[in-house]
Amino acid sequence: MKQPTPAPETEASQPPMTLATVRSGRLVWGMLGLVTLTLGSLGLAWLFPDSTMLHFLWVAQAVPVFYLLLVWWGTQQTTHQVNDAS
């Protein structure tokens, strides 16, 4: 039975870089942004219950765009993280 070859020194000294460790900071900030946006929208609707135009413009138009931007931003790697991962 053939024995597995040991990893070179450079690979053995560095912990494996996983997707979670590379993106964890942006994901945390993105999730905090999504929670803040959601709770802020609920608070806005609760404070101004008669402003239907504000609700339409905010909930139906702006919030989905902000969600999309926050999710996109949170899942992107920065150039600093890409250089560190390679």
N, C-alpha and C. Protein backbone atom coordinates (compact mmCIF):
# COMPACT_ATOMS: atom_id res chain seq x y z
N MET A 1 0.84 -1.17 0.00
CA MET A 1 0.00 0.00 0.00
C MET A 1 0.89 1.24 0.00
N LYS A 2 0.57 2.16 -0.86
CA LYS A 2 1.38 3.36 -1.01
C LYS A 2 1.03 4.38 0.06
N GLN A 3 2.05 4.92 0.71
CA GLN A 3 1.86 5.93 1.74
C GLN A 3 1.60 7.30 1.10
N PRO A 4 0.68 8.11 1.68
CA PRO A 4 0.46 9.44 1.12
C PRO A 4 1.69 10.32 1.35
N THR A 5 1.98 11.16 0.37
CA THR A 5 3.15 12.03 0.48
C THR A 5 2.80 13.21 1.39
N PRO A 6 3.73 13.60 2.24
CA PRO A 6 3.46 14.74 3.13
C PRO A 6 3.38 16.04 2.33
N ALA A 7 2.61 16.98 2.87
CA ALA A 7 2.46 18.28 2.21
C ALA A 7 3.74 19.08 2.34
N PRO A 8 4.06 19.90 1.35
CA PRO A 8 5.24 20.76 1.47
C PRO A 8 5.12 21.68 2.68
N GLU A 9 6.26 22.24 3.10
CA GLU A 9 6.31 23.10 4.28
C GLU A 9 5.34 24.28 4.20
N THR A 10 5.25 24.92 3.04
CA THR A 10 4.41 26.11 2.94
C THR A 10 2.94 25.78 3.10
N GLU A 11 2.49 24.66 2.58
CA GLU A 11 1.09 24.28 2.72
C GLU A 11 0.79 23.81 4.13
N ALA A 12 1.72 23.12 4.75
CA ALA A 12 1.48 22.58 6.08
C ALA A 12 1.44 23.68 7.14
N SER A 13 2.18 24.76 6.94
CA SER A 13 2.25 25.81 7.96
C SER A 13 1.05 26.75 7.92
N GLN A 14 0.32 26.78 6.81
CA GLN A 14 -0.83 27.67 6.70
C GLN A 14 -2.12 26.88 6.85
N PRO A 15 -3.06 27.41 7.65
CA PRO A 15 -4.35 26.71 7.76
C PRO A 15 -5.10 26.83 6.43
N PRO A 16 -5.94 25.86 6.13
CA PRO A 16 -6.68 25.93 4.86
C PRO A 16 -7.61 27.13 4.84
N MET A 17 -7.64 27.83 3.71
CA MET A 17 -8.48 29.01 3.55
C MET A 17 -9.83 28.55 3.01
N THR A 18 -10.85 28.72 3.81
CA THR A 18 -12.18 28.31 3.38
C THR A 18 -12.95 29.53 2.92
N LEU A 19 -14.02 29.29 2.22
CA LEU A 19 -14.87 30.37 1.74
C LEU A 19 -15.43 31.18 2.90
N ALA A 20 -15.75 30.52 3.99
CA ALA A 20 -16.32 31.21 5.15
C ALA A 20 -15.33 32.16 5.78
N THR A 21 -14.04 31.78 5.85
CA THR A 21 -13.07 32.67 6.48
C THR A 21 -12.74 33.86 5.59
N VAL A 22 -12.80 33.68 4.29
CA VAL A 22 -12.48 34.78 3.37
C VAL A 22 -13.58 35.82 3.38
N ARG A 23 -14.81 35.40 3.40
CA ARG A 23 -15.93 36.32 3.26
C ARG A 23 -16.64 36.66 4.56
N SER A 24 -16.18 36.17 5.67
CA SER A 24 -16.96 36.28 6.90
C SER A 24 -17.21 37.72 7.32
N GLY A 25 -16.25 38.60 7.18
CA GLY A 25 -16.45 39.99 7.60
C GLY A 25 -17.52 40.70 6.80
N ARG A 26 -17.47 40.55 5.49
CA ARG A 26 -18.48 41.20 4.65
C ARG A 26 -19.85 40.58 4.86
N LEU A 27 -19.89 39.28 5.09
CA LEU A 27 -21.19 38.64 5.33
C LEU A 27 -21.82 39.13 6.61
N VAL A 28 -21.02 39.30 7.64
CA VAL A 28 -21.56 39.78 8.91
C VAL A 28 -22.11 41.19 8.74
N TRP A 29 -21.33 42.08 8.11
CA TRP A 29 -21.81 43.45 7.90
C TRP A 29 -23.03 43.48 6.98
N GLY A 30 -23.04 42.62 5.96
CA GLY A 30 -24.19 42.56 5.07
C GLY A 30 -25.45 42.09 5.79
N MET A 31 -25.30 41.07 6.64
CA MET A 31 -26.45 40.58 7.40
C MET A 31 -26.93 41.63 8.40
N LEU A 32 -26.00 42.33 9.04
CA LEU A 32 -26.40 43.42 9.95
C LEU A 32 -27.14 44.52 9.19
N GLY A 33 -26.68 44.80 7.97
CA GLY A 33 -27.37 45.79 7.15
C GLY A 33 -28.77 45.34 6.77
N LEU A 34 -28.93 44.07 6.43
CA LEU A 34 -30.26 43.55 6.08
C LEU A 34 -31.20 43.58 7.28
N VAL A 35 -30.70 43.22 8.45
CA VAL A 35 -31.53 43.25 9.66
C VAL A 35 -31.91 44.69 9.99
N THR A 36 -30.95 45.60 9.91
CA THR A 36 -31.22 47.01 10.19
C THR A 36 -32.22 47.59 9.22
N LEU A 37 -32.06 47.26 7.94
CA LEU A 37 -32.99 47.75 6.92
C LEU A 37 -34.40 47.21 7.17
N THR A 38 -34.51 45.95 7.51
CA THR A 38 -35.82 45.35 7.77
C THR A 38 -36.48 45.96 9.00
N LEU A 39 -35.72 46.04 10.10
CA LEU A 39 -36.30 46.62 11.32
C LEU A 39 -36.59 48.11 11.15
N GLY A 40 -35.74 48.82 10.42
CA GLY A 40 -36.00 50.23 10.14
C GLY A 40 -37.25 50.43 9.31
N SER A 41 -37.46 49.55 8.33
CA SER A 41 -38.67 49.63 7.51
C SER A 41 -39.92 49.34 8.33
N LEU A 42 -39.84 48.36 9.20
CA LEU A 42 -40.98 48.07 10.07
C LEU A 42 -41.27 49.24 11.01
N GLY A 43 -40.21 49.84 11.54
CA GLY A 43 -40.39 50.99 12.41
C GLY A 43 -40.97 52.19 11.68
N LEU A 44 -40.51 52.41 10.45
CA LEU A 44 -41.05 53.50 9.63
C LEU A 44 -42.54 53.29 9.35
N ALA A 45 -42.91 52.07 9.01
CA ALA A 45 -44.32 51.77 8.77
C ALA A 45 -45.15 51.92 10.04
N TRP A 46 -44.58 51.60 11.17
CA TRP A 46 -45.30 51.70 12.43
C TRP A 46 -45.46 53.16 12.86
N LEU A 47 -44.43 53.98 12.61
CA LEU A 47 -44.49 55.40 12.99
C LEU A 47 -45.41 56.22 12.10
N PHE A 48 -45.50 55.86 10.82
CA PHE A 48 -46.31 56.61 9.86
C PHE A 48 -47.32 55.68 9.18
N PRO A 49 -48.35 55.24 9.89
CA PRO A 49 -49.28 54.26 9.32
C PRO A 49 -50.17 54.81 8.21
N ASP A 50 -50.35 56.12 8.13
CA ASP A 50 -51.25 56.68 7.12
C ASP A 50 -50.54 57.13 5.85
N SER A 51 -49.24 57.01 5.78
CA SER A 51 -48.48 57.47 4.61
C SER A 51 -48.35 56.34 3.59
N THR A 52 -49.40 56.13 2.83
CA THR A 52 -49.39 55.00 1.90
C THR A 52 -48.41 55.22 0.75
N MET A 53 -48.23 56.46 0.30
CA MET A 53 -47.27 56.70 -0.78
C MET A 53 -45.84 56.43 -0.29
N LEU A 54 -45.55 56.84 0.93
CA LEU A 54 -44.24 56.55 1.51
C LEU A 54 -44.02 55.04 1.62
N HIS A 55 -45.03 54.32 2.06
CA HIS A 55 -44.91 52.87 2.17
C HIS A 55 -44.68 52.24 0.80
N PHE A 56 -45.44 52.71 -0.20
CA PHE A 56 -45.27 52.15 -1.54
C PHE A 56 -43.87 52.42 -2.07
N LEU A 57 -43.41 53.66 -1.97
CA LEU A 57 -42.09 54.00 -2.51
C LEU A 57 -40.97 53.30 -1.73
N TRP A 58 -41.12 53.20 -0.42
CA TRP A 58 -40.06 52.59 0.38
C TRP A 58 -40.08 51.07 0.27
N VAL A 59 -41.24 50.46 0.56
CA VAL A 59 -41.30 49.00 0.62
C VAL A 59 -41.29 48.35 -0.76
N ALA A 60 -42.02 48.91 -1.70
CA ALA A 60 -42.13 48.28 -3.01
C ALA A 60 -41.00 48.68 -3.96
N GLN A 61 -40.35 49.82 -3.73
CA GLN A 61 -39.35 50.28 -4.67
C GLN A 61 -37.93 50.26 -4.09
N ALA A 62 -37.72 50.92 -2.98
CA ALA A 62 -36.36 51.12 -2.46
C ALA A 62 -35.81 49.91 -1.71
N VAL A 63 -36.60 49.31 -0.84
CA VAL A 63 -36.09 48.21 -0.02
C VAL A 63 -35.61 47.02 -0.86
N PRO A 64 -36.33 46.57 -1.88
CA PRO A 64 -35.79 45.46 -2.68
C PRO A 64 -34.46 45.80 -3.36
N VAL A 65 -34.29 47.04 -3.79
CA VAL A 65 -33.03 47.44 -4.40
C VAL A 65 -31.91 47.43 -3.36
N PHE A 66 -32.20 47.95 -2.16
CA PHE A 66 -31.20 47.92 -1.09
C PHE A 66 -30.86 46.49 -0.69
N TYR A 67 -31.86 45.60 -0.63
CA TYR A 67 -31.59 44.20 -0.33
C TYR A 67 -30.65 43.60 -1.36
N LEU A 68 -30.94 43.83 -2.63
CA LEU A 68 -30.11 43.30 -3.71
C LEU A 68 -28.68 43.82 -3.60
N LEU A 69 -28.52 45.13 -3.37
CA LEU A 69 -27.19 45.70 -3.25
C LEU A 69 -26.44 45.16 -2.03
N LEU A 70 -27.12 45.02 -0.90
CA LEU A 70 -26.46 44.49 0.29
C LEU A 70 -26.06 43.03 0.12
N VAL A 71 -26.90 42.24 -0.51
CA VAL A 71 -26.57 40.83 -0.73
C VAL A 71 -25.40 40.73 -1.71
N TRP A 72 -25.42 41.51 -2.76
CA TRP A 72 -24.32 41.50 -3.73
C TRP A 72 -23.02 41.93 -3.05
N TRP A 73 -23.06 43.03 -2.29
CA TRP A 73 -21.88 43.54 -1.63
C TRP A 73 -21.33 42.52 -0.62
N GLY A 74 -22.22 41.89 0.12
CA GLY A 74 -21.80 40.95 1.14
C GLY A 74 -21.15 39.69 0.60
N THR A 75 -21.47 39.33 -0.63
CA THR A 75 -20.92 38.11 -1.20
C THR A 75 -19.71 38.35 -2.08
N GLN A 76 -19.33 39.59 -2.31
CA GLN A 76 -18.16 39.90 -3.12
C GLN A 76 -16.90 39.86 -2.28
N GLN A 77 -15.81 39.44 -2.90
CA GLN A 77 -14.52 39.47 -2.24
C GLN A 77 -13.83 40.79 -2.57
N THR A 78 -13.13 41.34 -1.61
CA THR A 78 -12.35 42.53 -1.88
C THR A 78 -11.04 42.13 -2.54
N THR A 79 -10.35 43.07 -3.16
CA THR A 79 -9.08 42.75 -3.79
C THR A 79 -8.05 42.32 -2.75
N HIS A 80 -8.15 42.87 -1.54
CA HIS A 80 -7.25 42.47 -0.45
C HIS A 80 -7.48 41.01 -0.09
N GLN A 81 -8.73 40.58 -0.02
CA GLN A 81 -9.03 39.19 0.32
C GLN A 81 -8.62 38.25 -0.81
N VAL A 82 -8.78 38.68 -2.06
CA VAL A 82 -8.39 37.84 -3.19
C VAL A 82 -6.89 37.65 -3.19
N ASN A 83 -6.13 38.70 -2.93
CA ASN A 83 -4.67 38.59 -2.90
C ASN A 83 -4.19 37.72 -1.75
N ASP A 84 -4.86 37.78 -0.61
CA ASP A 84 -4.49 36.95 0.53
C ASP A 84 -4.81 35.47 0.27
N ALA A 85 -5.89 35.21 -0.44
CA ALA A 85 -6.31 33.83 -0.66
C ALA A 85 -5.43 33.12 -1.67
N SER A 86 -4.78 33.84 -2.53
CA SER A 86 -3.95 33.17 -3.56
C SER A 86 -2.51 33.01 -3.14
